[in-house]
Amino acid sequence: MAEFLIWLVAVLGAVGGVVLRRIWGRVEGKRAGKREAERDALEDTIERVQRGRDAVRDGRDAGDPAQRLRRNDGAW
């Protein structure tokens, strides 16, 4: 009877270890996915800010202000 209890405890420990490992792996996967999404969003934000700065710089250096006004007038 004692051997049976030892085997039962060992089997329950193994099953519990497998279940715990699966749960831990899922939590780690979600954490890694969240970090990757945050990094991608930050890179996208940085890229958009840089494109906006470039557009402002190019718009201010586009030549004669009167000519810029004439070009933009048709867009309205």
N, C-alpha and C. Protein backbone atom coordinates (compact mmCIF):
# COMPACT_ATOMS: atom_id res chain seq x y z
N MET A 1 0.82 -1.19 0.00
CA MET A 1 0.00 0.00 0.00
C MET A 1 0.86 1.25 0.00
N ALA A 2 1.97 1.22 0.73
CA ALA A 2 2.85 2.39 0.80
C ALA A 2 3.47 2.66 -0.57
N GLU A 3 3.82 1.57 -1.31
CA GLU A 3 4.39 1.77 -2.64
C GLU A 3 3.38 2.42 -3.57
N PHE A 4 2.13 2.02 -3.44
CA PHE A 4 1.08 2.61 -4.28
C PHE A 4 0.95 4.10 -4.00
N LEU A 5 0.99 4.50 -2.74
CA LEU A 5 0.89 5.92 -2.39
C LEU A 5 2.10 6.70 -2.91
N ILE A 6 3.28 6.09 -2.86
CA ILE A 6 4.48 6.75 -3.38
C ILE A 6 4.34 6.97 -4.89
N TRP A 7 3.87 5.94 -5.61
CA TRP A 7 3.66 6.07 -7.05
C TRP A 7 2.58 7.10 -7.36
N LEU A 8 1.52 7.12 -6.58
CA LEU A 8 0.44 8.07 -6.78
C LEU A 8 0.93 9.51 -6.60
N VAL A 9 1.72 9.74 -5.55
CA VAL A 9 2.28 11.07 -5.32
C VAL A 9 3.23 11.45 -6.45
N ALA A 10 4.02 10.52 -6.93
CA ALA A 10 4.95 10.79 -8.03
C ALA A 10 4.19 11.14 -9.31
N VAL A 11 3.15 10.39 -9.62
CA VAL A 11 2.36 10.65 -10.82
C VAL A 11 1.66 12.01 -10.71
N LEU A 12 1.07 12.28 -9.56
CA LEU A 12 0.41 13.59 -9.37
C LEU A 12 1.42 14.73 -9.47
N GLY A 13 2.62 14.52 -8.95
CA GLY A 13 3.66 15.54 -9.06
C GLY A 13 4.07 15.78 -10.51
N ALA A 14 4.19 14.72 -11.28
CA ALA A 14 4.56 14.85 -12.69
C ALA A 14 3.47 15.56 -13.48
N VAL A 15 2.23 15.17 -13.25
CA VAL A 15 1.11 15.82 -13.93
C VAL A 15 1.02 17.29 -13.52
N GLY A 16 1.19 17.56 -12.25
CA GLY A 16 1.16 18.93 -11.77
C GLY A 16 2.29 19.75 -12.38
N GLY A 17 3.46 19.16 -12.53
CA GLY A 17 4.59 19.85 -13.16
C GLY A 17 4.32 20.19 -14.61
N VAL A 18 3.70 19.26 -15.34
CA VAL A 18 3.37 19.50 -16.75
C VAL A 18 2.34 20.63 -16.86
N VAL A 19 1.33 20.58 -16.02
CA VAL A 19 0.29 21.62 -16.06
C VAL A 19 0.89 22.98 -15.70
N LEU A 20 1.72 23.01 -14.67
CA LEU A 20 2.34 24.26 -14.26
C LEU A 20 3.23 24.81 -15.36
N ARG A 21 3.97 23.96 -16.05
CA ARG A 21 4.85 24.40 -17.13
C ARG A 21 4.05 24.99 -18.28
N ARG A 22 2.90 24.36 -18.62
CA ARG A 22 2.07 24.88 -19.70
C ARG A 22 1.51 26.25 -19.34
N ILE A 23 1.07 26.40 -18.10
CA ILE A 23 0.53 27.69 -17.67
C ILE A 23 1.63 28.74 -17.68
N TRP A 24 2.80 28.40 -17.18
CA TRP A 24 3.93 29.35 -17.15
C TRP A 24 4.35 29.75 -18.57
N GLY A 25 4.38 28.79 -19.48
CA GLY A 25 4.73 29.08 -20.88
C GLY A 25 3.73 30.02 -21.53
N ARG A 26 2.45 29.83 -21.25
CA ARG A 26 1.43 30.70 -21.81
C ARG A 26 1.57 32.12 -21.28
N VAL A 27 1.85 32.26 -19.98
CA VAL A 27 2.03 33.59 -19.39
C VAL A 27 3.25 34.28 -20.00
N GLU A 28 4.33 33.55 -20.15
CA GLU A 28 5.54 34.12 -20.75
C GLU A 28 5.29 34.52 -22.20
N GLY A 29 4.54 33.72 -22.94
CA GLY A 29 4.22 34.04 -24.33
C GLY A 29 3.41 35.31 -24.45
N LYS A 30 2.43 35.47 -23.57
CA LYS A 30 1.63 36.69 -23.58
C LYS A 30 2.48 37.91 -23.24
N ARG A 31 3.37 37.74 -22.27
CA ARG A 31 4.26 38.84 -21.87
C ARG A 31 5.16 39.25 -23.02
N ALA A 32 5.73 38.26 -23.70
CA ALA A 32 6.62 38.55 -24.83
C ALA A 32 5.85 39.21 -25.97
N GLY A 33 4.64 38.76 -26.22
CA GLY A 33 3.82 39.37 -27.26
C GLY A 33 3.47 40.82 -26.95
N LYS A 34 3.20 41.07 -25.69
CA LYS A 34 2.87 42.43 -25.27
C LYS A 34 4.08 43.35 -25.43
N ARG A 35 5.26 42.88 -25.05
CA ARG A 35 6.48 43.68 -25.21
C ARG A 35 6.75 43.96 -26.68
N GLU A 36 6.55 42.95 -27.52
CA GLU A 36 6.79 43.14 -28.96
C GLU A 36 5.81 44.15 -29.54
N ALA A 37 4.55 44.08 -29.13
CA ALA A 37 3.55 45.03 -29.63
C ALA A 37 3.89 46.45 -29.17
N GLU A 38 4.32 46.60 -27.92
CA GLU A 38 4.69 47.92 -27.43
C GLU A 38 5.89 48.46 -28.19
N ARG A 39 6.88 47.61 -28.47
CA ARG A 39 8.06 48.03 -29.22
C ARG A 39 7.68 48.45 -30.64
N ASP A 40 6.81 47.66 -31.28
CA ASP A 40 6.37 47.99 -32.63
C ASP A 40 5.61 49.32 -32.65
N ALA A 41 4.77 49.54 -31.64
CA ALA A 41 4.02 50.80 -31.58
C ALA A 41 4.96 51.97 -31.38
N LEU A 42 5.97 51.80 -30.55
CA LEU A 42 6.93 52.88 -30.32
C LEU A 42 7.72 53.18 -31.60
N GLU A 43 8.16 52.14 -32.30
CA GLU A 43 8.88 52.35 -33.56
C GLU A 43 7.99 53.06 -34.58
N ASP A 44 6.71 52.68 -34.63
CA ASP A 44 5.78 53.32 -35.55
C ASP A 44 5.60 54.79 -35.20
N THR A 45 5.49 55.09 -33.92
CA THR A 45 5.33 56.47 -33.48
C THR A 45 6.56 57.29 -33.84
N ILE A 46 7.73 56.74 -33.61
CA ILE A 46 8.96 57.45 -33.95
C ILE A 46 9.03 57.72 -35.45
N GLU A 47 8.65 56.72 -36.24
CA GLU A 47 8.68 56.89 -37.70
C GLU A 47 7.69 57.98 -38.14
N ARG A 48 6.50 57.99 -37.57
CA ARG A 48 5.50 59.00 -37.93
C ARG A 48 5.96 60.40 -37.54
N VAL A 49 6.56 60.53 -36.37
CA VAL A 49 7.06 61.83 -35.93
C VAL A 49 8.15 62.31 -36.89
N GLN A 50 9.04 61.43 -37.28
CA GLN A 50 10.10 61.82 -38.20
C GLN A 50 9.55 62.23 -39.56
N ARG A 51 8.56 61.48 -40.06
CA ARG A 51 7.95 61.86 -41.34
C ARG A 51 7.26 63.21 -41.23
N GLY A 52 6.61 63.47 -40.09
CA GLY A 52 5.98 64.78 -39.88
C GLY A 52 7.00 65.90 -39.85
N ARG A 53 8.11 65.67 -39.18
CA ARG A 53 9.16 66.68 -39.13
C ARG A 53 9.73 66.94 -40.53
N ASP A 54 9.92 65.86 -41.28
CA ASP A 54 10.41 66.02 -42.66
C ASP A 54 9.42 66.81 -43.51
N ALA A 55 8.13 66.53 -43.34
CA ALA A 55 7.11 67.24 -44.12
C ALA A 55 7.09 68.72 -43.76
N VAL A 56 7.20 69.04 -42.47
CA VAL A 56 7.22 70.44 -42.05
C VAL A 56 8.46 71.12 -42.62
N ARG A 57 9.59 70.44 -42.53
CA ARG A 57 10.82 71.03 -43.05
C ARG A 57 10.71 71.27 -44.55
N ASP A 58 10.19 70.30 -45.29
CA ASP A 58 10.06 70.44 -46.74
C ASP A 58 9.01 71.49 -47.09
N GLY A 59 7.97 71.59 -46.29
CA GLY A 59 6.94 72.59 -46.55
C GLY A 59 7.43 74.00 -46.33
N ARG A 60 8.27 74.20 -45.35
CA ARG A 60 8.78 75.54 -45.07
C ARG A 60 9.85 75.96 -46.06
N ASP A 61 10.51 75.00 -46.65
CA ASP A 61 11.57 75.30 -47.61
C ASP A 61 11.09 75.12 -49.04
N ALA A 62 9.80 75.20 -49.28
CA ALA A 62 9.26 74.88 -50.60
C ALA A 62 9.34 76.06 -51.56
N GLY A 63 9.97 77.13 -51.20
CA GLY A 63 10.14 78.24 -52.14
C GLY A 63 9.34 79.45 -51.74
N ASP A 64 8.88 80.16 -52.74
CA ASP A 64 8.17 81.42 -52.56
C ASP A 64 6.83 81.20 -51.83
N PRO A 65 6.55 81.96 -50.78
CA PRO A 65 5.28 81.78 -50.06
C PRO A 65 4.06 82.03 -50.94
N ALA A 66 4.14 82.98 -51.84
CA ALA A 66 3.00 83.25 -52.72
C ALA A 66 2.74 82.05 -53.63
N GLN A 67 3.79 81.42 -54.11
CA GLN A 67 3.63 80.25 -54.98
C GLN A 67 3.04 79.08 -54.19
N ARG A 68 3.48 78.90 -52.95
CA ARG A 68 2.91 77.84 -52.10
C ARG A 68 1.43 78.08 -51.89
N LEU A 69 1.03 79.34 -51.68
CA LEU A 69 -0.37 79.67 -51.48
C LEU A 69 -1.18 79.34 -52.74
N ARG A 70 -0.65 79.64 -53.89
CA ARG A 70 -1.36 79.33 -55.14
C ARG A 70 -1.52 77.81 -55.31
N ARG A 71 -0.49 77.03 -54.99
CA ARG A 71 -0.56 75.58 -55.10
C ARG A 71 -1.59 75.00 -54.13
N ASN A 72 -1.60 75.52 -52.92
CA ASN A 72 -2.52 75.00 -51.89
C ASN A 72 -3.95 75.47 -52.11
N ASP A 73 -4.14 76.56 -52.83
CA ASP A 73 -5.48 77.12 -53.01
C ASP A 73 -6.39 76.12 -53.74
N GLY A 74 -5.85 75.38 -54.68
CA GLY A 74 -6.67 74.41 -55.41
C GLY A 74 -7.07 73.23 -54.54
N ALA A 75 -6.33 72.94 -53.49
CA ALA A 75 -6.67 71.81 -52.61
C ALA A 75 -7.88 72.10 -51.73
N TRP A 76 -8.21 73.37 -51.58
CA TRP A 76 -9.36 73.72 -50.73
C TRP A 76 -10.57 73.68 -51.59
